[in-house]
Amino acid sequence: MATFEFIQFGKRVKHGIPFDVPGAELGRQNNLSCFESIIKKHKISEPVIIYISKIVHDIDVNIWGAKITPEAETLIEEFKTIKTSSQNTHECLEKTHTL
């Protein structure tokens, strides 16, 4: 099971595997989302994971373009609702567990 630690902006990651921070192997690279870079590194090929990666790409990378997955727009709206109805980051993250 993975655990995540949030670090203050500008601080170095001292232990663990840096994730989605500048210079991290597992992060946004060129036209790939962080999720896609993980799939690429670990050579994941399960069709459902590949489809989820397309949804993530639509949300995270294809910000201004027409969405290629029908789920992307719905999730974007859900994320906006969660963000605006949350008091803090922790509450926001807790609410995403229902998606």
Protein backbone atom coordinates (compact mmCIF):
# COMPACT_ATOMS: atom_id res chain seq x y z
CA MET A 1 0.00 0.00 0.00
CA ALA A 2 1.27 3.45 -0.86
CA THR A 3 1.23 6.36 1.54
CA PHE A 4 1.64 9.99 0.59
CA GLU A 5 3.29 12.82 2.46
CA PHE A 6 2.61 16.39 1.46
CA ILE A 7 5.63 18.64 1.69
CA GLN A 8 5.81 22.40 1.83
CA PHE A 9 6.37 24.15 -1.51
CA GLY A 10 10.08 24.61 -2.16
CA LYS A 11 11.24 21.91 0.29
CA ARG A 12 13.30 18.94 -0.89
CA VAL A 13 11.88 15.43 -0.72
CA LYS A 14 14.17 13.75 1.82
CA HIS A 15 12.78 10.22 1.82
CA GLY A 16 10.50 8.07 -0.28
CA ILE A 17 9.88 8.39 -4.00
CA PRO A 18 9.31 11.95 -5.22
CA PHE A 19 5.95 12.11 -6.94
CA ASP A 20 4.65 14.89 -9.16
CA VAL A 21 7.23 17.47 -8.11
CA PRO A 22 9.77 19.23 -10.35
CA GLY A 23 12.48 16.82 -11.46
CA ALA A 24 10.70 13.68 -10.25
CA GLU A 25 10.71 10.64 -12.52
CA LEU A 26 7.07 10.04 -11.60
CA GLY A 27 5.58 13.33 -12.61
CA ARG A 28 4.25 15.29 -15.51
CA GLN A 29 6.59 14.94 -18.48
CA ASN A 30 6.19 16.55 -21.87
CA ASN A 31 2.64 15.67 -22.94
CA LEU A 32 2.10 12.97 -20.29
CA SER A 33 0.23 13.28 -17.01
CA CYS A 34 1.84 12.00 -13.84
CA PHE A 35 -0.48 8.98 -14.01
CA GLU A 36 0.65 8.26 -17.58
CA SER A 37 4.32 8.48 -16.59
CA ILE A 38 3.68 5.84 -13.89
CA ILE A 39 1.97 3.57 -16.45
CA LYS A 40 4.86 4.04 -18.86
CA LYS A 41 7.55 3.33 -16.24
CA HIS A 42 5.85 0.17 -14.99
CA LYS A 43 4.75 -0.99 -18.46
CA ILE A 44 1.11 -1.33 -17.40
CA SER A 45 -1.12 -2.51 -20.24
CA GLU A 46 -4.47 -3.46 -18.67
CA PRO A 47 -7.19 -1.93 -20.87
CA VAL A 48 -9.15 -0.40 -17.98
CA ILE A 49 -6.03 1.33 -16.62
CA ILE A 50 -5.19 2.63 -20.10
CA TYR A 51 -8.73 4.02 -20.40
CA ILE A 52 -8.48 5.68 -16.98
CA SER A 53 -5.20 7.23 -18.14
CA LYS A 54 -7.07 8.80 -21.08
CA ILE A 55 -9.57 10.35 -18.67
CA VAL A 56 -6.73 11.67 -16.49
CA HIS A 57 -4.97 13.03 -19.59
CA ASP A 58 -8.14 14.86 -20.61
CA ILE A 59 -8.40 16.47 -17.18
CA ASP A 60 -4.74 17.15 -16.42
CA VAL A 61 -3.06 17.75 -19.79
CA ASN A 62 -5.80 18.44 -22.34
CA ILE A 63 -7.06 21.41 -20.34
CA TRP A 64 -8.23 23.61 -23.21
CA GLY A 65 -8.91 21.03 -25.93
CA ALA A 66 -12.06 19.08 -26.71
CA LYS A 67 -12.30 16.10 -24.37
CA ILE A 68 -11.95 12.62 -25.88
CA THR A 69 -13.58 10.80 -22.95
CA PRO A 70 -17.16 11.40 -21.85
CA GLU A 71 -16.19 11.02 -18.17
CA ALA A 72 -13.73 13.93 -18.17
CA GLU A 73 -16.24 16.81 -18.16
CA THR A 74 -18.36 15.14 -15.47
CA LEU A 75 -15.34 14.60 -13.23
CA ILE A 76 -14.10 18.16 -13.78
CA GLU A 77 -17.46 19.47 -12.55
CA GLU A 78 -17.40 17.08 -9.58
CA PHE A 79 -13.89 18.25 -8.65
CA LYS A 80 -14.97 21.91 -8.85
CA THR A 81 -17.94 21.22 -6.57
CA ILE A 82 -15.77 19.40 -4.05
CA LYS A 83 -13.15 22.16 -4.09
CA THR A 84 -15.63 24.98 -3.55
CA SER A 85 -17.52 23.13 -0.81
CA SER A 86 -14.44 22.15 1.22
CA GLN A 87 -12.98 24.13 4.11
CA ASN A 88 -9.41 22.89 3.55
CA THR A 89 -7.22 20.54 1.52
CA HIS A 90 -7.73 17.61 3.91
CA GLU A 91 -11.53 17.86 3.63
CA CYS A 92 -11.24 18.17 -0.14
CA LEU A 93 -9.18 14.97 -0.34
CA GLU A 94 -11.60 13.13 1.94
CA LYS A 95 -14.54 14.08 -0.30
CA THR A 96 -12.80 12.70 -3.40
CA HIS A 97 -13.02 9.19 -1.92
CA THR A 98 -16.69 9.11 -2.95
CA LEU A 99 -15.95 9.57 -6.65
